Amino acid sequence: MSAKSDREKPATALRKRVAACTVCAASLPAGPRPIVQFSASATVLVIGQAPGAKVHASGVPWQDDSGDRLRAWMGIGADDFYDPSKIALVPMGFCYPGSRKGGDLPPRRECAPLWHPPIFDILPPTRLTVLVGTYALAHYAPQSPRQSLTDTVRSGGGLSPCIIPLPHPAWRVTLWMKKNPWFAETVLTRLQAAVRQSLVTHVGASHSP
């Protein structure tokens, strides 16, 4: 058996455990359906918020208009985006949390502390992390009281160069982007270059024993 197969064994076992999770089932109006993608070789990690109703129905992460916009931001197509050997899609909440007037409920708080550490331990230590939206930013890039999401995205939030914060790519972001043209000019340019480099790293690693 190859070393690559040996590295993937823990990821396969962990995916089965995640799929069977019912920790917060009583609080999920639509029932548990954890939606997550990862493998031991993924060199890009995308941390979003939680599946919406459409994604809950399909079981495919980011299979909606927001996902189309995110893939455009990253400069990649669906083939790369949905290849778990390349890209891990790990939201703050794995199941659809339900809705309220004006939008979806926040991601359940149980998921991140329970599942993120073992998943991240399986991923390559050298990877690009993309934080998408306020919930991921609040957890992994807490802002100072005086710093807005716009400030964090623009400055990088004082994070490592291998961590890129983004707003959520919902339809409302189009107006925000018009008011902040630097986002497309600088942040997306940096994001796309980082994604390309990370995928090149993945190709090199996939040819190693």
Protein backbone atom coordinates (compact mmCIF):
# COMPACT_ATOMS: atom_id res chain seq x y z
CA MET A 1 0.00 0.00 0.00
CA SER A 2 1.37 3.45 -0.92
CA ALA A 3 2.26 6.16 1.58
CA LYS A 4 -0.45 8.31 -0.02
CA SER A 5 -3.08 5.66 0.77
CA ASP A 6 -1.79 5.44 4.33
CA ARG A 7 -2.15 9.23 4.74
CA GLU A 8 -5.72 9.11 3.46
CA LYS A 9 -6.93 6.39 5.83
CA PRO A 10 -7.51 8.75 8.81
CA ALA A 11 -9.31 11.22 6.54
CA THR A 12 -11.67 8.52 5.29
CA ALA A 13 -12.45 7.43 8.84
CA LEU A 14 -13.01 11.01 9.96
CA ARG A 15 -15.35 11.76 7.06
CA LYS A 16 -17.49 8.79 8.15
CA ARG A 17 -17.61 10.10 11.72
CA VAL A 18 -18.60 13.57 10.53
CA ALA A 19 -21.33 12.16 8.26
CA ALA A 20 -22.84 10.30 11.21
CA CYS A 21 -22.81 13.30 13.56
CA THR A 22 -26.10 14.08 15.33
CA VAL A 23 -24.75 16.23 18.17
CA CYS A 24 -27.15 19.12 17.56
CA ALA A 25 -29.90 17.20 15.73
CA ALA A 26 -32.60 18.38 18.14
CA SER A 27 -31.83 21.99 17.19
CA LEU A 28 -31.93 21.49 13.41
CA PRO A 29 -35.39 22.06 11.87
CA ALA A 30 -34.43 20.20 8.67
CA GLY A 31 -32.50 17.48 10.49
CA PRO A 32 -28.79 16.73 10.42
CA ARG A 33 -26.98 16.56 7.08
CA PRO A 34 -23.32 17.47 7.56
CA ILE A 35 -21.92 18.95 4.35
CA VAL A 36 -18.15 19.11 4.25
CA GLN A 37 -15.30 18.22 1.89
CA PHE A 38 -11.69 17.39 2.78
CA SER A 39 -8.82 14.97 2.29
CA ALA A 40 -5.30 14.53 3.60
CA SER A 41 -3.81 16.22 0.52
CA ALA A 42 -5.94 19.39 0.19
CA THR A 43 -3.65 22.43 0.04
CA VAL A 44 -6.47 25.01 0.03
CA LEU A 45 -8.85 25.27 2.99
CA VAL A 46 -12.06 27.32 2.62
CA ILE A 47 -13.86 28.07 5.89
CA GLY A 48 -17.36 29.40 5.26
CA GLN A 49 -20.42 29.77 7.49
CA ALA A 50 -23.09 27.04 7.10
CA PRO A 51 -25.09 25.42 4.30
CA GLY A 52 -28.24 27.18 3.18
CA ALA A 53 -31.51 25.46 2.31
CA LYS A 54 -30.49 24.91 -1.33
CA VAL A 55 -27.19 23.30 -0.37
CA HIS A 56 -28.90 21.23 2.33
CA ALA A 57 -31.22 19.85 -0.34
CA SER A 58 -28.44 19.01 -2.81
CA GLY A 59 -25.76 17.92 -0.34
CA VAL A 60 -23.16 19.77 -2.43
CA PRO A 61 -21.25 22.57 -0.64
CA TRP A 62 -21.38 26.04 -2.19
CA GLN A 63 -23.70 24.86 -4.97
CA ASP A 64 -25.52 28.17 -5.23
CA ASP A 65 -25.02 31.73 -6.47
CA SER A 66 -22.64 32.49 -3.59
CA GLY A 67 -20.54 29.51 -4.60
CA ASP A 68 -20.42 30.68 -8.21
CA ARG A 69 -19.14 34.05 -7.02
CA LEU A 70 -16.60 32.47 -4.66
CA ARG A 71 -15.19 30.27 -7.44
CA ALA A 72 -14.88 33.35 -9.65
CA TRP A 73 -13.07 35.18 -6.86
CA MET A 74 -10.67 32.25 -6.48
CA GLY A 75 -10.15 32.02 -10.24
CA ILE A 76 -11.00 28.33 -10.48
CA GLY A 77 -13.75 26.20 -11.96
CA ALA A 78 -15.98 23.58 -10.41
CA ASP A 79 -13.63 20.71 -11.31
CA ASP A 80 -10.86 22.03 -9.07
CA PHE A 81 -13.22 23.42 -6.43
CA TYR A 82 -14.98 20.09 -5.92
CA ASP A 83 -11.82 18.00 -5.96
CA PRO A 84 -11.30 17.06 -2.29
CA SER A 85 -7.71 16.10 -2.99
CA LYS A 86 -7.07 19.77 -3.77
CA ILE A 87 -9.56 21.84 -1.79
CA ALA A 88 -11.13 21.38 1.64
CA LEU A 89 -14.53 23.01 2.21
CA VAL A 90 -15.06 23.17 5.96
CA PRO A 91 -17.78 25.54 7.20
CA MET A 92 -18.26 26.90 10.70
CA GLY A 93 -21.46 24.86 10.89
CA PHE A 94 -21.78 21.65 8.89
CA CYS A 95 -25.60 21.45 8.78
CA TYR A 96 -28.31 23.84 7.65
CA PRO A 97 -29.29 25.69 10.84
CA GLY A 98 -32.74 26.76 9.68
CA SER A 99 -34.03 30.23 8.90
CA ARG A 100 -35.65 33.21 10.49
CA LYS A 101 -37.19 36.34 9.08
CA GLY A 102 -34.53 38.03 6.99
CA GLY A 103 -32.23 35.07 6.45
CA ASP A 104 -30.64 31.91 7.82
CA LEU A 105 -29.85 31.33 11.46
CA PRO A 106 -26.18 31.50 12.50
CA PRO A 107 -24.06 28.34 12.21
CA ARG A 108 -24.45 25.99 15.15
CA ARG A 109 -21.70 26.56 17.71
CA GLU A 110 -21.08 22.86 18.29
CA CYS A 111 -19.35 22.13 14.96
CA ALA A 112 -16.17 24.20 14.97
CA PRO A 113 -14.77 23.15 18.37
CA LEU A 114 -15.79 19.54 17.81
CA TRP A 115 -14.69 18.92 14.23
CA HIS A 116 -12.28 21.62 13.07
CA PRO A 117 -9.26 20.49 15.13
CA PRO A 118 -9.26 16.85 13.91
CA ILE A 119 -9.91 17.90 10.31
CA PHE A 120 -7.19 20.54 10.34
CA ASP A 121 -4.76 18.04 11.87
CA ILE A 122 -5.26 15.81 8.83
CA LEU A 123 -4.68 18.57 6.26
CA PRO A 124 -1.16 19.41 5.05
CA PRO A 125 0.54 21.83 7.47
CA THR A 126 1.50 24.09 4.56
CA ARG A 127 -1.76 25.28 3.09
CA LEU A 128 -3.72 28.35 2.06
CA THR A 129 -6.67 29.18 4.32
CA VAL A 130 -9.52 31.34 3.01
CA LEU A 131 -11.84 32.75 5.68
CA VAL A 132 -15.21 33.56 4.14
CA GLY A 133 -17.73 35.75 5.94
CA THR A 134 -18.23 37.22 9.38
CA TYR A 135 -18.59 33.93 11.31
CA ALA A 136 -15.29 32.51 10.07
CA LEU A 137 -13.58 35.86 10.60
CA ALA A 138 -14.98 36.26 14.12
CA HIS A 139 -13.69 32.81 15.07
CA TYR A 140 -10.29 32.77 13.37
CA ALA A 141 -9.53 36.47 12.89
CA PRO A 142 -11.24 38.29 15.75
CA GLN A 143 -11.37 42.00 15.01
CA SER A 144 -10.61 44.73 17.45
CA PRO A 145 -13.69 46.74 18.54
CA ARG A 146 -12.61 49.54 16.20
CA GLN A 147 -12.02 47.33 13.17
CA SER A 148 -14.79 46.58 10.68
CA LEU A 149 -15.02 43.63 8.33
CA THR A 150 -13.99 45.98 5.52
CA ASP A 151 -10.87 46.98 7.46
CA THR A 152 -10.00 43.34 8.15
CA VAL A 153 -10.40 42.30 4.51
CA ARG A 154 -8.40 45.28 3.29
CA SER A 155 -5.54 44.96 5.75
CA GLY A 156 -5.47 41.20 6.01
CA GLY A 157 -6.34 41.48 9.69
CA GLY A 158 -2.74 41.10 10.78
CA LEU A 159 -2.94 37.43 9.82
CA SER A 160 -0.30 35.20 8.28
CA PRO A 161 0.18 35.69 4.49
CA CYS A 162 -1.23 32.17 4.02
CA ILE A 163 -4.59 33.24 5.51
CA ILE A 164 -6.85 35.46 3.39
CA PRO A 165 -10.06 36.99 4.86
CA LEU A 166 -13.01 37.63 2.54
CA PRO A 167 -16.55 38.95 2.88
CA HIS A 168 -19.32 36.46 2.25
CA PRO A 169 -20.03 36.25 -1.51
CA ALA A 170 -23.81 36.64 -1.17
CA TRP A 171 -25.60 38.89 -3.65
CA ARG A 172 -25.38 41.84 -1.27
CA VAL A 173 -21.60 41.91 -1.70
CA THR A 174 -21.92 43.36 -5.21
CA LEU A 175 -22.83 46.78 -3.81
CA TRP A 176 -20.01 46.54 -1.27
CA MET A 177 -17.57 45.75 -4.09
CA LYS A 178 -18.67 48.84 -6.03
CA LYS A 179 -17.92 50.97 -2.97
CA ASN A 180 -14.59 49.22 -2.42
CA PRO A 181 -12.88 48.77 -5.82
CA TRP A 182 -9.58 47.92 -4.09
CA PHE A 183 -11.06 44.51 -3.24
CA ALA A 184 -11.00 43.29 -6.84
CA GLU A 185 -7.79 45.12 -7.66
CA THR A 186 -5.69 43.89 -4.74
CA VAL A 187 -7.36 41.25 -2.58
CA LEU A 188 -8.73 39.10 -5.40
CA THR A 189 -5.49 39.40 -7.34
CA ARG A 190 -3.62 38.16 -4.28
CA LEU A 191 -6.19 35.42 -3.64
CA GLN A 192 -6.02 34.05 -7.17
CA ALA A 193 -2.23 34.03 -7.17
CA ALA A 194 -2.20 32.23 -3.81
CA VAL A 195 -4.73 29.63 -5.01
CA ARG A 196 -2.70 28.98 -8.16
CA GLN A 197 0.47 28.54 -6.11
CA SER A 198 -1.25 26.22 -3.65
CA LEU A 199 -2.60 24.03 -6.44
CA VAL A 200 0.90 23.85 -7.95
CA THR A 201 2.13 22.72 -4.52
CA HIS A 202 -0.62 20.09 -4.52
CA VAL A 203 0.48 18.77 -7.91
CA GLY A 204 4.07 18.47 -6.70
CA ALA A 205 3.02 16.66 -3.54
CA SER A 206 0.73 14.27 -5.40
CA HIS A 207 3.71 12.97 -7.37
CA SER A 208 5.74 12.22 -4.27
CA PRO A 209 5.78 8.67 -2.82
